[in-house]
Amino acid sequence: KRQAAIAKLHASTIAVDNAREATQIHGGYGFMNEYPV
């Protein structure tokens, strides 16, 4: 139970972090729907 909660908490947090950074790396194109990020 604890390990599942840790995994879910940590993975969801870093997913949001990585999505934000990937959008930043793409600049203006990261705000365009044609790009997966």
PDB file of all heavy atoms in Angstrom:
ATOM      1  N   LYS A   1       0.818  -1.213   0.000  1.00  0.00           N
ATOM      2  CA  LYS A   1       0.000   0.000   0.000  1.00  0.00           C
ATOM      3  C   LYS A   1       0.854   1.267   0.000  1.00  0.00           C
ATOM      4  O   LYS A   1       0.637   2.179  -0.795  1.00  0.00           O
ATOM      5  CB  LYS A   1      -0.933   0.002   1.215  1.00  0.00           C
ATOM      6  CG  LYS A   1      -1.813   1.249   1.313  1.00  0.00           C
ATOM      7  CD  LYS A   1      -2.626   1.280   2.592  1.00  0.00           C
ATOM      8  CE  LYS A   1      -3.737   0.245   2.556  1.00  0.00           C
ATOM      9  NZ  LYS A   1      -4.819   0.673   1.629  1.00  0.00           N
ATOM     10  N   ARG A   2       1.836   1.321   0.923  1.00  0.00           N
ATOM     11  CA  ARG A   2       2.672   2.518   1.002  1.00  0.00           C
ATOM     12  C   ARG A   2       3.482   2.711  -0.273  1.00  0.00           C
ATOM     13  O   ARG A   2       3.588   3.814  -0.805  1.00  0.00           O
ATOM     14  CB  ARG A   2       3.614   2.430   2.204  1.00  0.00           C
ATOM     15  CG  ARG A   2       4.435   3.703   2.427  1.00  0.00           C
ATOM     16  CD  ARG A   2       5.667   3.453   3.278  1.00  0.00           C
ATOM     17  NE  ARG A   2       5.354   2.692   4.484  1.00  0.00           N
ATOM     18  CZ  ARG A   2       6.300   2.222   5.317  1.00  0.00           C
ATOM     19  NH1 ARG A   2       7.582   2.401   5.030  1.00  0.00           N
ATOM     20  NH2 ARG A   2       5.958   1.526   6.394  1.00  0.00           N
ATOM     21  N   GLN A   3       4.065   1.616  -0.766  1.00  0.00           N
ATOM     22  CA  GLN A   3       4.895   1.724  -1.971  1.00  0.00           C
ATOM     23  C   GLN A   3       4.066   2.132  -3.193  1.00  0.00           C
ATOM     24  O   GLN A   3       4.552   2.867  -4.052  1.00  0.00           O
ATOM     25  CB  GLN A   3       5.609   0.393  -2.218  1.00  0.00           C
ATOM     26  CG  GLN A   3       6.734   0.097  -1.246  1.00  0.00           C
ATOM     27  CD  GLN A   3       6.242  -0.328   0.128  1.00  0.00           C
ATOM     28  OE1 GLN A   3       5.101  -0.761   0.286  1.00  0.00           O
ATOM     29  NE2 GLN A   3       7.106  -0.223   1.129  1.00  0.00           N
ATOM     30  N   ALA A   4       2.823   1.653  -3.272  1.00  0.00           N
ATOM     31  CA  ALA A   4       1.943   2.060  -4.377  1.00  0.00           C
ATOM     32  C   ALA A   4       1.632   3.544  -4.296  1.00  0.00           C
ATOM     33  O   ALA A   4       1.615   4.252  -5.311  1.00  0.00           O
ATOM     34  CB  ALA A   4       0.655   1.241  -4.353  1.00  0.00           C
ATOM     35  N   ALA A   5       1.376   4.039  -3.081  1.00  0.00           N
ATOM     36  CA  ALA A   5       1.093   5.462  -2.903  1.00  0.00           C
ATOM     37  C   ALA A   5       2.322   6.306  -3.238  1.00  0.00           C
ATOM     38  O   ALA A   5       2.211   7.368  -3.873  1.00  0.00           O
ATOM     39  CB  ALA A   5       0.641   5.724  -1.464  1.00  0.00           C
ATOM     40  N   ILE A   6       3.503   5.848  -2.806  1.00  0.00           N
ATOM     41  CA  ILE A   6       4.742   6.573  -3.133  1.00  0.00           C
ATOM     42  C   ILE A   6       4.938   6.626  -4.645  1.00  0.00           C
ATOM     43  O   ILE A   6       5.258   7.679  -5.214  1.00  0.00           O
ATOM     44  CB  ILE A   6       5.948   5.905  -2.455  1.00  0.00           C
ATOM     45  CG1 ILE A   6       5.898   6.115  -0.938  1.00  0.00           C
ATOM     46  CG2 ILE A   6       7.260   6.444  -3.020  1.00  0.00           C
ATOM     47  CD1 ILE A   6       6.921   5.307  -0.163  1.00  0.00           C
ATOM     48  N   ALA A   7       4.752   5.482  -5.302  1.00  0.00           N
ATOM     49  CA  ALA A   7       4.958   5.424  -6.751  1.00  0.00           C
ATOM     50  C   ALA A   7       3.985   6.350  -7.473  1.00  0.00           C
ATOM     51  O   ALA A   7       4.373   7.093  -8.384  1.00  0.00           O
ATOM     52  CB  ALA A   7       4.784   3.987  -7.238  1.00  0.00           C
ATOM     53  N   LYS A   8       2.716   6.316  -7.077  1.00  0.00           N
ATOM     54  CA  LYS A   8       1.716   7.152  -7.736  1.00  0.00           C
ATOM     55  C   LYS A   8       1.985   8.633  -7.484  1.00  0.00           C
ATOM     56  O   LYS A   8       1.908   9.457  -8.393  1.00  0.00           O
ATOM     57  CB  LYS A   8       0.327   6.754  -7.228  1.00  0.00           C
ATOM     58  CG  LYS A   8      -0.824   7.184  -8.137  1.00  0.00           C
ATOM     59  CD  LYS A   8      -1.351   8.549  -7.835  1.00  0.00           C
ATOM     60  CE  LYS A   8      -2.564   8.887  -8.668  1.00  0.00           C
ATOM     61  NZ  LYS A   8      -3.039  10.266  -8.481  1.00  0.00           N
ATOM     62  N   LEU A   9       2.298   8.982  -6.243  1.00  0.00           N
ATOM     63  CA  LEU A   9       2.577  10.377  -5.894  1.00  0.00           C
ATOM     64  C   LEU A   9       3.796  10.906  -6.641  1.00  0.00           C
ATOM     65  O   LEU A   9       3.747  11.978  -7.265  1.00  0.00           O
ATOM     66  CB  LEU A   9       2.797  10.486  -4.386  1.00  0.00           C
ATOM     67  CG  LEU A   9       3.245  11.851  -3.850  1.00  0.00           C
ATOM     68  CD1 LEU A   9       2.209  12.918  -4.138  1.00  0.00           C
ATOM     69  CD2 LEU A   9       3.524  11.755  -2.345  1.00  0.00           C
ATOM     70  N   HIS A  10       4.876  10.150  -6.603  1.00  0.00           N
ATOM     71  CA  HIS A  10       6.116  10.615  -7.236  1.00  0.00           C
ATOM     72  C   HIS A  10       5.972  10.668  -8.761  1.00  0.00           C
ATOM     73  O   HIS A  10       6.343  11.668  -9.395  1.00  0.00           O
ATOM     74  CB  HIS A  10       7.270   9.692  -6.858  1.00  0.00           C
ATOM     75  CG  HIS A  10       8.587  10.089  -7.437  1.00  0.00           C
ATOM     76  ND1 HIS A  10       9.129  11.351  -7.299  1.00  0.00           N
ATOM     77  CD2 HIS A  10       9.492   9.389  -8.195  1.00  0.00           C
ATOM     78  CE1 HIS A  10      10.283  11.419  -7.926  1.00  0.00           C
ATOM     79  NE2 HIS A  10      10.531  10.231  -8.477  1.00  0.00           N
ATOM     80  N   ALA A  11       5.416   9.618  -9.346  1.00  0.00           N
ATOM     81  CA  ALA A  11       5.317   9.566 -10.809  1.00  0.00           C
ATOM     82  C   ALA A  11       4.399  10.651 -11.348  1.00  0.00           C
ATOM     83  O   ALA A  11       4.689  11.271 -12.384  1.00  0.00           O
ATOM     84  CB  ALA A  11       4.828   8.185 -11.250  1.00  0.00           C
ATOM     85  N   SER A  12       3.284  10.904 -10.683  1.00  0.00           N
ATOM     86  CA  SER A  12       2.376  11.946 -11.169  1.00  0.00           C
ATOM     87  C   SER A  12       3.007  13.329 -11.037  1.00  0.00           C
ATOM     88  O   SER A  12       2.821  14.197 -11.905  1.00  0.00           O
ATOM     89  CB  SER A  12       1.046  11.885 -10.423  1.00  0.00           C
ATOM     90  OG  SER A  12       1.206  12.084  -9.032  1.00  0.00           O
ATOM     91  N   THR A  13       3.772  13.533  -9.964  1.00  0.00           N
ATOM     92  CA  THR A  13       4.442  14.826  -9.777  1.00  0.00           C
ATOM     93  C   THR A  13       5.466  15.084 -10.863  1.00  0.00           C
ATOM     94  O   THR A  13       5.513  16.173 -11.455  1.00  0.00           O
ATOM     95  CB  THR A  13       5.124  14.870  -8.395  1.00  0.00           C
ATOM     96  OG1 THR A  13       4.141  14.690  -7.372  1.00  0.00           O
ATOM     97  CG2 THR A  13       5.835  16.198  -8.183  1.00  0.00           C
ATOM     98  N   ILE A  14       6.286  14.076 -11.154  1.00  0.00           N
ATOM     99  CA  ILE A  14       7.341  14.300 -12.155  1.00  0.00           C
ATOM    100  C   ILE A  14       6.759  14.315 -13.569  1.00  0.00           C
ATOM    101  O   ILE A  14       7.353  14.909 -14.475  1.00  0.00           O
ATOM    102  CB  ILE A  14       8.480  13.271 -12.013  1.00  0.00           C
ATOM    103  CG1 ILE A  14       8.023  11.835 -12.310  1.00  0.00           C
ATOM    104  CG2 ILE A  14       9.102  13.366 -10.638  1.00  0.00           C
ATOM    105  CD1 ILE A  14       8.286  11.373 -13.713  1.00  0.00           C
ATOM    106  N   ALA A  15       5.612  13.692 -13.774  1.00  0.00           N
ATOM    107  CA  ALA A  15       4.970  13.780 -15.087  1.00  0.00           C
ATOM    108  C   ALA A  15       4.559  15.225 -15.381  1.00  0.00           C
ATOM    109  O   ALA A  15       4.763  15.733 -16.491  1.00  0.00           O
ATOM    110  CB  ALA A  15       3.751  12.858 -15.150  1.00  0.00           C
ATOM    111  N   VAL A  16       3.984  15.888 -14.370  1.00  0.00           N
ATOM    112  CA  VAL A  16       3.624  17.302 -14.532  1.00  0.00           C
ATOM    113  C   VAL A  16       4.883  18.143 -14.746  1.00  0.00           C
ATOM    114  O   VAL A  16       4.920  19.032 -15.612  1.00  0.00           O
ATOM    115  CB  VAL A  16       2.829  17.791 -13.308  1.00  0.00           C
ATOM    116  CG1 VAL A  16       2.598  19.304 -13.383  1.00  0.00           C
ATOM    117  CG2 VAL A  16       1.490  17.067 -13.216  1.00  0.00           C
ATOM    118  N   ASP A  17       5.937  17.860 -13.970  1.00  0.00           N
ATOM    119  CA  ASP A  17       7.198  18.597 -14.122  1.00  0.00           C
ATOM    120  C   ASP A  17       7.760  18.436 -15.529  1.00  0.00           C
ATOM    121  O   ASP A  17       8.156  19.413 -16.183  1.00  0.00           O
ATOM    122  CB  ASP A  17       8.231  18.085 -13.109  1.00  0.00           C
ATOM    123  CG  ASP A  17       7.900  18.455 -11.674  1.00  0.00           C
ATOM    124  OD1 ASP A  17       7.035  19.324 -11.464  1.00  0.00           O
ATOM    125  OD2 ASP A  17       8.513  17.864 -10.761  1.00  0.00           O
ATOM    126  N   ASN A  18       7.837  17.204 -16.001  1.00  0.00           N
ATOM    127  CA  ASN A  18       8.424  16.954 -17.319  1.00  0.00           C
ATOM    128  C   ASN A  18       7.590  17.560 -18.436  1.00  0.00           C
ATOM    129  O   ASN A  18       8.136  18.047 -19.431  1.00  0.00           O
ATOM    130  CB  ASN A  18       8.592  15.454 -17.545  1.00  0.00           C
ATOM    131  CG  ASN A  18       9.848  14.906 -16.899  1.00  0.00           C
ATOM    132  OD1 ASN A  18      10.451  15.553 -16.039  1.00  0.00           O
ATOM    133  ND2 ASN A  18      10.257  13.712 -17.292  1.00  0.00           N
ATOM    134  N   ALA A  19       6.268  17.514 -18.288  1.00  0.00           N
ATOM    135  CA  ALA A  19       5.410  18.103 -19.316  1.00  0.00           C
ATOM    136  C   ALA A  19       5.626  19.617 -19.396  1.00  0.00           C
ATOM    137  O   ALA A  19       5.664  20.193 -20.492  1.00  0.00           O
ATOM    138  CB  ALA A  19       3.946  17.790 -19.021  1.00  0.00           C
ATOM    139  N   ARG A  20       5.778  20.234 -18.245  1.00  0.00           N
ATOM    140  CA  ARG A  20       6.033  21.687 -18.236  1.00  0.00           C
ATOM    141  C   ARG A  20       7.374  22.006 -18.881  1.00  0.00           C
ATOM    142  O   ARG A  20       7.488  22.930 -19.707  1.00  0.00           O
ATOM    143  CB  ARG A  20       5.997  22.189 -16.793  1.00  0.00           C
ATOM    144  CG  ARG A  20       6.206  23.700 -16.671  1.00  0.00           C
ATOM    145  CD  ARG A  20       6.156  24.176 -15.226  1.00  0.00           C
ATOM    146  NE  ARG A  20       7.220  23.550 -14.431  1.00  0.00           N
ATOM    147  CZ  ARG A  20       7.009  22.620 -13.497  1.00  0.00           C
ATOM    148  NH1 ARG A  20       5.766  22.208 -13.250  1.00  0.00           N
ATOM    149  NH2 ARG A  20       8.018  22.111 -12.813  1.00  0.00           N
ATOM    150  N   GLU A  21       8.406  21.232 -18.539  1.00  0.00           N
ATOM    151  CA  GLU A  21       9.732  21.505 -19.095  1.00  0.00           C
ATOM    152  C   GLU A  21       9.788  21.193 -20.590  1.00  0.00           C
ATOM    153  O   GLU A  21      10.444  21.910 -21.361  1.00  0.00           O
ATOM    154  CB  GLU A  21      10.785  20.681 -18.338  1.00  0.00           C
ATOM    155  CG  GLU A  21      10.983  21.098 -16.890  1.00  0.00           C
ATOM    156  CD  GLU A  21      11.643  22.463 -16.733  1.00  0.00           C
ATOM    157  OE1 GLU A  21      11.678  23.256 -17.687  1.00  0.00           O
ATOM    158  OE2 GLU A  21      12.138  22.742 -15.627  1.00  0.00           O
ATOM    159  N   ALA A  22       9.122  20.134 -21.005  1.00  0.00           N
ATOM    160  CA  ALA A  22       9.112  19.810 -22.435  1.00  0.00           C
ATOM    161  C   ALA A  22       8.440  20.914 -23.241  1.00  0.00           C
ATOM    162  O   ALA A  22       8.889  21.270 -24.341  1.00  0.00           O
ATOM    163  CB  ALA A  22       8.398  18.480 -22.659  1.00  0.00           C
ATOM    164  N   THR A  23       7.360  21.465 -22.708  1.00  0.00           N
ATOM    165  CA  THR A  23       6.684  22.581 -23.373  1.00  0.00           C
ATOM    166  C   THR A  23       7.603  23.790 -23.445  1.00  0.00           C
ATOM    167  O   THR A  23       7.668  24.483 -24.472  1.00  0.00           O
ATOM    168  CB  THR A  23       5.387  22.938 -22.616  1.00  0.00           C
ATOM    169  OG1 THR A  23       4.552  21.783 -22.533  1.00  0.00           O
ATOM    170  CG2 THR A  23       4.630  24.045 -23.318  1.00  0.00           C
ATOM    171  N   GLN A  24       8.340  24.041 -22.389  1.00  0.00           N
ATOM    172  CA  GLN A  24       9.267  25.174 -22.368  1.00  0.00           C
ATOM    173  C   GLN A  24      10.381  24.986 -23.394  1.00  0.00           C
ATOM    174  O   GLN A  24      10.757  25.946 -24.095  1.00  0.00           O
ATOM    175  CB  GLN A  24       9.867  25.332 -20.966  1.00  0.00           C
ATOM    176  CG  GLN A  24      10.668  26.605 -20.761  1.00  0.00           C
ATOM    177  CD  GLN A  24       9.778  27.836 -20.698  1.00  0.00           C
ATOM    178  OE1 GLN A  24       8.586  27.730 -20.461  1.00  0.00           O
ATOM    179  NE2 GLN A  24      10.360  29.006 -20.930  1.00  0.00           N
ATOM    180  N   ILE A  25      10.900  23.774 -23.497  1.00  0.00           N
ATOM    181  CA  ILE A  25      11.959  23.499 -24.468  1.00  0.00           C
ATOM    182  C   ILE A  25      11.464  23.742 -25.889  1.00  0.00           C
ATOM    183  O   ILE A  25      12.200  24.249 -26.748  1.00  0.00           O
ATOM    184  CB  ILE A  25      12.470  22.049 -24.300  1.00  0.00           C
ATOM    185  CG1 ILE A  25      13.272  21.922 -22.997  1.00  0.00           C
ATOM    186  CG2 ILE A  25      13.306  21.607 -25.498  1.00  0.00           C
ATOM    187  CD1 ILE A  25      13.604  20.505 -22.603  1.00  0.00           C
ATOM    188  N   HIS A  26      10.222  23.397 -26.147  1.00  0.00           N
ATOM    189  CA  HIS A  26       9.641  23.587 -27.484  1.00  0.00           C
ATOM    190  C   HIS A  26       9.277  25.038 -27.762  1.00  0.00           C
ATOM    191  O   HIS A  26       8.944  25.385 -28.914  1.00  0.00           O
ATOM    192  CB  HIS A  26       8.390  22.716 -27.647  1.00  0.00           C
ATOM    193  CG  HIS A  26       8.672  21.287 -27.964  1.00  0.00           C
ATOM    194  ND1 HIS A  26       9.261  20.414 -27.072  1.00  0.00           N
ATOM    195  CD2 HIS A  26       8.429  20.558 -29.095  1.00  0.00           C
ATOM    196  CE1 HIS A  26       9.374  19.216 -27.635  1.00  0.00           C
ATOM    197  NE2 HIS A  26       8.883  19.272 -28.850  1.00  0.00           N
ATOM    198  N   GLY A  27       9.306  25.875 -26.735  1.00  0.00           N
ATOM    199  CA  GLY A  27       8.987  27.280 -26.940  1.00  0.00           C
ATOM    200  C   GLY A  27       7.565  27.470 -27.452  1.00  0.00           C
ATOM    201  O   GLY A  27       6.631  26.790 -27.013  1.00  0.00           O
ATOM    202  N   GLY A  28       7.398  28.374 -28.400  1.00  0.00           N
ATOM    203  CA  GLY A  28       6.066  28.647 -28.945  1.00  0.00           C
ATOM    204  C   GLY A  28       5.423  27.417 -29.568  1.00  0.00           C
ATOM    205  O   GLY A  28       4.196  27.248 -29.507  1.00  0.00           O
ATOM    206  N   TYR A  29       6.251  26.547 -30.142  1.00  0.00           N
ATOM    207  CA  TYR A  29       5.697  25.338 -30.767  1.00  0.00           C
ATOM    208  C   TYR A  29       5.104  24.382 -29.716  1.00  0.00           C
ATOM    209  O   TYR A  29       4.220  23.596 -30.024  1.00  0.00           O
ATOM    210  CB  TYR A  29       6.777  24.623 -31.567  1.00  0.00           C
ATOM    211  CG  TYR A  29       7.192  25.381 -32.802  1.00  0.00           C
ATOM    212  CD1 TYR A  29       8.435  26.011 -32.867  1.00  0.00           C
ATOM    213  CD2 TYR A  29       6.335  25.499 -33.906  1.00  0.00           C
ATOM    214  CE1 TYR A  29       8.818  26.729 -34.000  1.00  0.00           C
ATOM    215  CE2 TYR A  29       6.710  26.211 -35.035  1.00  0.00           C
ATOM    216  CZ  TYR A  29       7.947  26.819 -35.071  1.00  0.00           C
ATOM    217  OH  TYR A  29       8.316  27.536 -36.182  1.00  0.00           O
ATOM    218  N   GLY A  30       5.596  24.471 -28.491  1.00  0.00           N
ATOM    219  CA  GLY A  30       5.047  23.637 -27.440  1.00  0.00           C
ATOM    220  C   GLY A  30       3.618  23.989 -27.081  1.00  0.00           C
ATOM    221  O   GLY A  30       2.927  23.212 -26.424  1.00  0.00           O
ATOM    222  N   PHE A  31       3.184  25.161 -27.505  1.00  0.00           N
ATOM    223  CA  PHE A  31       1.817  25.617 -27.248  1.00  0.00           C
ATOM    224  C   PHE A  31       0.895  25.302 -28.419  1.00  0.00           C
ATOM    225  O   PHE A  31      -0.288  25.629 -28.389  1.00  0.00           O
ATOM    226  CB  PHE A  31       1.829  27.127 -26.971  1.00  0.00           C
ATOM    227  CG  PHE A  31       0.693  27.599 -26.126  1.00  0.00           C
ATOM    228  CD1 PHE A  31       0.534  27.148 -24.828  1.00  0.00           C
ATOM    229  CD2 PHE A  31      -0.224  28.517 -26.624  1.00  0.00           C
ATOM    230  CE1 PHE A  31      -0.514  27.604 -24.047  1.00  0.00           C
ATOM    231  CE2 PHE A  31      -1.286  28.974 -25.843  1.00  0.00           C
ATOM    232  CZ  PHE A  31      -1.427  28.511 -24.548  1.00  0.00           C
ATOM    233  N   MET A  32       1.439  24.671 -29.446  1.00  0.00           N
ATOM    234  CA  MET A  32       0.666  24.327 -30.632  1.00  0.00           C
ATOM    235  C   MET A  32       0.243  22.862 -30.560  1.00  0.00           C
ATOM    236  O   MET A  32       1.063  21.979 -30.281  1.00  0.00           O
ATOM    237  CB  MET A  32       1.488  24.554 -31.909  1.00  0.00           C
ATOM    238  CG  MET A  32       1.968  25.992 -32.096  1.00  0.00           C
ATOM    239  SD  MET A  32       0.610  27.152 -32.299  1.00  0.00           S
ATOM    240  CE  MET A  32       0.789  28.134 -30.791  1.00  0.00           C
ATOM    241  N   ASN A  33      -1.012  22.598 -30.858  1.00  0.00           N
ATOM    242  CA  ASN A  33      -1.546  21.243 -30.718  1.00  0.00           C
ATOM    243  C   ASN A  33      -0.925  20.234 -31.669  1.00  0.00           C
ATOM    244  O   ASN A  33      -1.052  19.023 -31.463  1.00  0.00           O
ATOM    245  CB  ASN A  33      -3.064  21.259 -30.918  1.00  0.00           C
ATOM    246  CG  ASN A  33      -3.787  21.817 -29.714  1.00  0.00           C
ATOM    247  OD1 ASN A  33      -3.332  21.679 -28.585  1.00  0.00           O
ATOM    248  ND2 ASN A  33      -4.912  22.470 -29.945  1.00  0.00           N
ATOM    249  N   GLU A  34      -0.250  20.701 -32.706  1.00  0.00           N
ATOM    250  CA  GLU A  34       0.359  19.762 -33.642  1.00  0.00           C
ATOM    251  C   GLU A  34       1.565  19.043 -33.029  1.00  0.00           C
ATOM    252  O   GLU A  34       2.024  18.025 -33.567  1.00  0.00           O
ATOM    253  CB  GLU A  34       0.788  20.491 -34.921  1.00  0.00           C
ATOM    254  CG  GLU A  34       1.857  21.549 -34.701  1.00  0.00           C
ATOM    255  CD  GLU A  34       2.074  22.420 -35.932  1.00  0.00           C
ATOM    256  OE1 GLU A  34       2.834  21.990 -36.820  1.00  0.00           O
ATOM    257  OE2 GLU A  34       1.486  23.511 -36.003  1.00  0.00           O
ATOM    258  N   TYR A  35       2.057  19.547 -31.918  1.00  0.00           N
ATOM    259  CA  TYR A  35       3.194  18.918 -31.254  1.00  0.00           C
ATOM    260  C   TYR A  35       2.697  18.075 -30.076  1.00  0.00           C
ATOM    261  O   TYR A  35       1.881  18.540 -29.274  1.00  0.00           O
ATOM    262  CB  TYR A  35       4.198  19.973 -30.769  1.00  0.00           C
ATOM    263  CG  TYR A  35       5.041  20.532 -31.888  1.00  0.00           C
ATOM    264  CD1 TYR A  35       4.550  21.534 -32.721  1.00  0.00           C
ATOM    265  CD2 TYR A  35       6.320  20.028 -32.147  1.00  0.00           C
ATOM    266  CE1 TYR A  35       5.320  22.041 -33.763  1.00  0.00           C
ATOM    267  CE2 TYR A  35       7.096  20.525 -33.184  1.00  0.00           C
ATOM    268  CZ  TYR A  35       6.586  21.524 -33.993  1.00  0.00           C
ATOM    269  OH  TYR A  35       7.349  22.015 -35.033  1.00  0.00           O
ATOM    270  N   PRO A  36       3.194  16.844 -29.937  1.00  0.00           N
ATOM    271  CA  PRO A  36       2.716  15.964 -28.865  1.00  0.00           C
ATOM    272  C   PRO A  36       2.860  16.546 -27.467  1.00  0.00           C
ATOM    273  O   PRO A  36       2.045  16.250 -26.585  1.00  0.00           O
ATOM    274  CB  PRO A  36       3.583  14.712 -29.033  1.00  0.00           C
ATOM    275  CG  PRO A  36       3.954  14.694 -30.472  1.00  0.00           C
ATOM    276  CD  PRO A  36       4.129  16.137 -30.842  1.00  0.00           C
ATOM    277  N   VAL A  37       3.885  17.379 -27.240  1.00  0.00           N
ATOM    278  CA  VAL A  37       4.090  17.875 -25.870  1.00  0.00           C
ATOM    279  C   VAL A  37       2.937  18.748 -25.408  1.00  0.00           C
ATOM    280  O   VAL A  37       2.670  18.847 -24.199  1.00  0.00           O
ATOM    281  CB  VAL A  37       5.430  18.632 -25.728  1.00  0.00           C
ATOM    282  CG1 VAL A  37       6.599  17.680 -25.927  1.00  0.00           C
ATOM    283  CG2 VAL A  37       5.510  19.813 -26.669  1.00  0.00           C
TER     284      VAL A  37
END
